Protein backbone atom coordinates (compact mmCIF):
# COMPACT_ATOMS: atom_id res chain seq x y z
CA MET A 1 -39.07 39.43 63.61
CA SER A 2 -39.42 40.79 60.11
CA GLU A 3 -42.53 41.25 58.04
CA PRO A 4 -42.97 39.14 54.93
CA PRO A 5 -41.87 40.78 51.67
CA SER A 6 -44.40 42.95 49.92
CA ARG A 7 -46.61 41.22 47.40
CA SER A 8 -45.82 43.92 44.80
CA SER A 9 -42.48 42.26 44.11
CA SER A 10 -43.80 39.10 42.45
CA GLN A 11 -40.78 39.14 40.11
CA PHE A 12 -38.34 38.68 42.99
CA PRO A 13 -36.87 35.15 43.04
CA VAL A 14 -37.63 33.64 46.45
CA LEU A 15 -35.36 30.69 47.34
CA GLU A 16 -36.05 28.07 50.00
CA THR A 17 -33.67 25.74 51.80
CA GLN A 18 -34.20 23.32 54.64
CA ARG A 19 -33.78 25.99 57.34
CA LEU A 20 -33.95 29.27 55.43
CA LEU A 21 -36.16 31.45 53.28
CA LEU A 22 -34.21 33.76 50.99
CA ARG A 23 -36.53 36.62 50.16
CA GLU A 24 -36.64 40.24 49.13
CA THR A 25 -35.80 42.69 51.89
CA SER A 26 -38.29 45.40 52.79
CA LEU A 27 -38.13 48.60 54.80
CA ALA A 28 -39.56 46.62 57.70
CA ASP A 29 -36.18 44.84 57.84
CA ALA A 30 -34.28 48.10 58.49
CA PRO A 31 -34.04 47.67 62.31
CA VAL A 32 -32.50 44.20 61.95
CA LEU A 33 -30.21 45.26 59.12
CA PHE A 34 -29.10 48.25 61.16
CA ALA A 35 -28.32 46.02 64.16
CA ILE A 36 -26.13 43.80 61.96
CA HIS A 37 -24.38 46.64 60.15
CA ALA A 38 -23.89 48.76 63.28
CA ASP A 39 -21.79 46.01 64.91
CA ALA A 40 -18.37 47.43 64.01
CA ASP A 41 -16.47 44.32 65.08
CA ALA A 42 -18.76 41.97 63.14
CA MET A 43 -18.66 44.21 60.05
CA ARG A 44 -14.90 44.84 60.05
CA TRP A 45 -14.47 42.69 56.93
CA PHE A 46 -17.58 43.78 55.04
CA GLY A 47 -15.97 46.57 53.06
CA THR A 48 -17.97 49.54 54.30
CA GLU A 49 -18.16 51.62 57.42
CA PRO A 50 -20.74 50.58 60.05
CA LEU A 51 -24.16 52.13 59.49
CA PRO A 52 -24.80 55.19 61.68
CA ASP A 53 -28.58 54.81 62.07
CA GLU A 54 -31.72 53.03 60.95
CA GLN A 55 -32.32 55.55 58.15
CA ALA A 56 -29.02 54.50 56.59
CA ALA A 57 -30.23 50.89 56.71
CA GLN A 58 -33.41 51.94 54.88
CA LYS A 59 -31.28 53.55 52.16
CA VAL A 60 -29.27 50.34 51.79
CA ILE A 61 -32.48 48.34 51.32
CA GLU A 62 -33.77 50.86 48.77
CA GLY A 63 -30.41 50.65 46.97
CA TRP A 64 -30.69 46.88 46.69
CA ALA A 65 -34.13 47.25 45.08
CA THR A 66 -32.78 49.82 42.63
CA ALA A 67 -29.74 47.67 41.79
CA ARG A 68 -31.96 45.13 40.03
CA THR A 69 -32.72 47.71 37.32
CA LEU A 70 -29.18 48.88 36.57
CA ALA A 71 -27.00 47.95 33.58
CA ASN A 72 -24.92 45.64 35.81
CA PRO A 73 -27.65 44.63 38.24
CA GLY A 74 -27.59 42.62 41.37
CA ILE A 75 -29.94 40.58 43.52
CA ARG A 76 -29.75 40.75 47.31
CA TRP A 77 -31.72 38.25 49.38
CA GLY A 78 -32.70 38.66 52.99
CA ILE A 79 -31.84 35.46 54.88
CA GLU A 80 -34.79 34.56 57.08
CA ARG A 81 -34.55 31.65 59.49
CA ARG A 82 -37.68 29.57 58.93
CA ALA A 83 -37.93 28.36 62.52
CA ASP A 84 -38.67 31.82 63.91
CA ARG A 85 -39.09 33.96 60.73
CA ARG A 86 -36.20 36.14 61.91
CA LEU A 87 -33.95 37.96 59.44
CA ILE A 88 -30.37 36.90 60.24
CA GLY A 89 -28.44 38.47 57.35
CA THR A 90 -28.32 38.99 53.62
CA CYS A 91 -26.45 37.59 50.64
CA GLY A 92 -26.51 38.10 46.95
CA MET A 93 -24.98 38.65 43.58
CA PHE A 94 -23.80 42.02 42.33
CA ARG A 95 -21.89 43.52 39.40
CA TRP A 96 -23.70 41.09 37.10
CA ASN A 97 -22.16 41.31 33.65
CA ARG A 98 -24.61 39.41 31.47
CA GLN A 99 -22.38 39.46 28.41
CA TRP A 100 -19.47 37.93 30.30
CA ARG A 101 -21.77 35.64 32.37
CA ALA A 102 -20.03 36.76 35.54
CA CYS A 103 -20.83 38.42 38.84
CA MET A 104 -19.63 38.77 42.44
CA VAL A 105 -21.08 37.35 45.61
CA GLY A 106 -21.38 39.17 48.93
CA TYR A 107 -22.91 38.39 52.30
CA GLU A 108 -23.17 39.23 55.99
CA LEU A 109 -24.68 37.48 58.98
CA ALA A 110 -25.80 38.55 62.45
CA ARG A 111 -23.22 37.61 65.05
CA ASP A 112 -25.58 35.32 66.96
CA ALA A 113 -26.11 33.24 63.80
CA TRP A 114 -22.39 32.62 63.15
CA GLY A 115 -20.99 29.10 63.17
CA GLN A 116 -24.29 27.30 62.48
CA GLY A 117 -23.92 26.70 58.74
CA PHE A 118 -26.60 29.24 57.74
CA MET A 119 -24.44 31.16 55.29
CA ARG A 120 -23.20 27.99 53.61
CA GLU A 121 -26.81 26.88 53.19
CA ALA A 122 -27.82 30.28 51.82
CA LEU A 123 -24.88 30.50 49.41
CA LEU A 124 -25.56 27.01 48.05
CA ALA A 125 -29.02 28.20 47.05
CA VAL A 126 -27.77 31.51 45.65
CA LEU A 127 -24.96 29.89 43.64
CA GLY A 128 -27.38 27.31 42.28
CA PHE A 129 -29.68 30.12 41.19
CA GLY A 130 -26.75 31.98 39.65
CA PHE A 131 -25.45 29.10 37.58
CA VAL A 132 -28.90 28.01 36.38
CA GLN A 133 -31.30 30.97 36.20
CA MET A 134 -28.70 33.71 35.67
CA GLN A 135 -26.66 31.41 33.38
CA LEU A 136 -23.42 32.45 35.03
CA ASN A 137 -20.10 30.92 34.10
CA ARG A 138 -18.07 32.66 36.81
CA VAL A 139 -18.81 33.90 40.33
CA GLU A 140 -16.16 35.97 42.10
CA ALA A 141 -15.60 36.59 45.79
CA GLN A 142 -13.26 39.12 47.36
CA VAL A 143 -12.42 38.41 50.98
CA HIS A 144 -10.15 40.22 53.41
CA PRO A 145 -7.07 38.03 54.05
CA ASP A 146 -7.66 38.12 57.82
CA ASN A 147 -11.28 36.97 57.50
CA LEU A 148 -10.41 33.31 57.95
CA ALA A 149 -13.99 32.13 58.51
CA SER A 150 -15.16 33.65 55.23
CA LEU A 151 -12.15 32.29 53.31
CA LYS A 152 -12.83 28.83 54.71
CA LEU A 153 -16.52 29.11 53.76
CA VAL A 154 -15.99 30.04 50.11
CA GLU A 155 -13.16 27.54 49.67
CA ARG A 156 -15.41 24.78 51.05
CA LEU A 157 -17.92 25.81 48.39
CA GLY A 158 -15.26 25.24 45.72
CA PHE A 159 -13.96 28.77 45.16
CA VAL A 160 -10.31 28.87 44.04
CA ARG A 161 -7.83 31.54 45.14
CA GLU A 162 -6.56 33.58 42.22
CA GLY A 163 -4.38 36.09 44.01
CA LEU A 164 -4.17 39.11 46.26
CA LEU A 165 -5.67 42.43 45.20
CA ARG A 166 -3.36 44.89 46.91
CA GLU A 167 -5.15 47.80 48.60
CA ALA A 168 -8.27 47.14 46.52
CA GLY A 169 -10.65 48.39 49.20
CA TRP A 170 -10.86 51.38 51.51
CA TRP A 171 -12.67 51.28 54.82
CA GLY A 172 -11.81 51.73 58.46
CA GLY A 173 -9.73 54.74 57.44
CA GLN A 174 -7.17 52.69 55.51
CA ALA A 175 -6.49 50.72 52.34
CA GLN A 176 -7.39 47.04 52.57
CA ASP A 177 -6.03 44.06 50.66
CA LEU A 178 -8.49 41.49 49.34
CA VAL A 179 -8.07 37.86 48.33
CA GLN A 180 -9.59 37.27 44.88
CA LEU A 181 -11.39 33.94 44.47
CA SER A 182 -13.68 32.49 41.84
CA LEU A 183 -15.96 29.56 41.19
CA LEU A 184 -16.54 28.45 37.61
CA ARG A 185 -19.60 26.63 36.36
CA ARG A 186 -17.49 23.62 35.25
CA GLU A 187 -15.76 23.45 38.66
CA GLN A 188 -18.78 23.84 40.87
CA ARG A 189 -19.37 21.36 43.62
CA VAL A 190 -22.60 23.15 44.43
CA VAL A 191 -25.83 21.24 44.77
CA VAL A 192 -28.35 23.07 42.60
CA LEU A 193 -31.56 23.42 44.60
């Protein structure tokens, strides 16, 4: 179980859905984040190597906090299941180009939370926030071509395939292709929460 976010981050946009609380991550979340990111099989499509230890998870959390202050900032939400207040993953927007009104979406979920619709629910809230509060016109997703569950998820949310980015990523000791998808404001089928 994770601790609630610190009260010092009153600027952080907390989002609520029927089953989830999307909140700022804190260092208290490092053990759970490490457990998710240390699962090499579950993280094989994430785009980075599995985390080696809990300290690396703490650095990831600190990096997310810092990212909100950069020129092309991002927002990463911890996905907390309301029923048991357990952190089950994260999702968010990154590479936010305010001038172009565009950003990318990324996410990961603990293996025992797969297949229950949690990420769809979380992304609906995040996309709604992006199109309204961030005033986005375009949200991009890059998904490994073999990650069929993730491709199905974003396509169900209305994302459109634009092509294949050949060897766009590098992890697992080799170059990785990525499917480029996008969702435009005018095309969205997203329910704004």
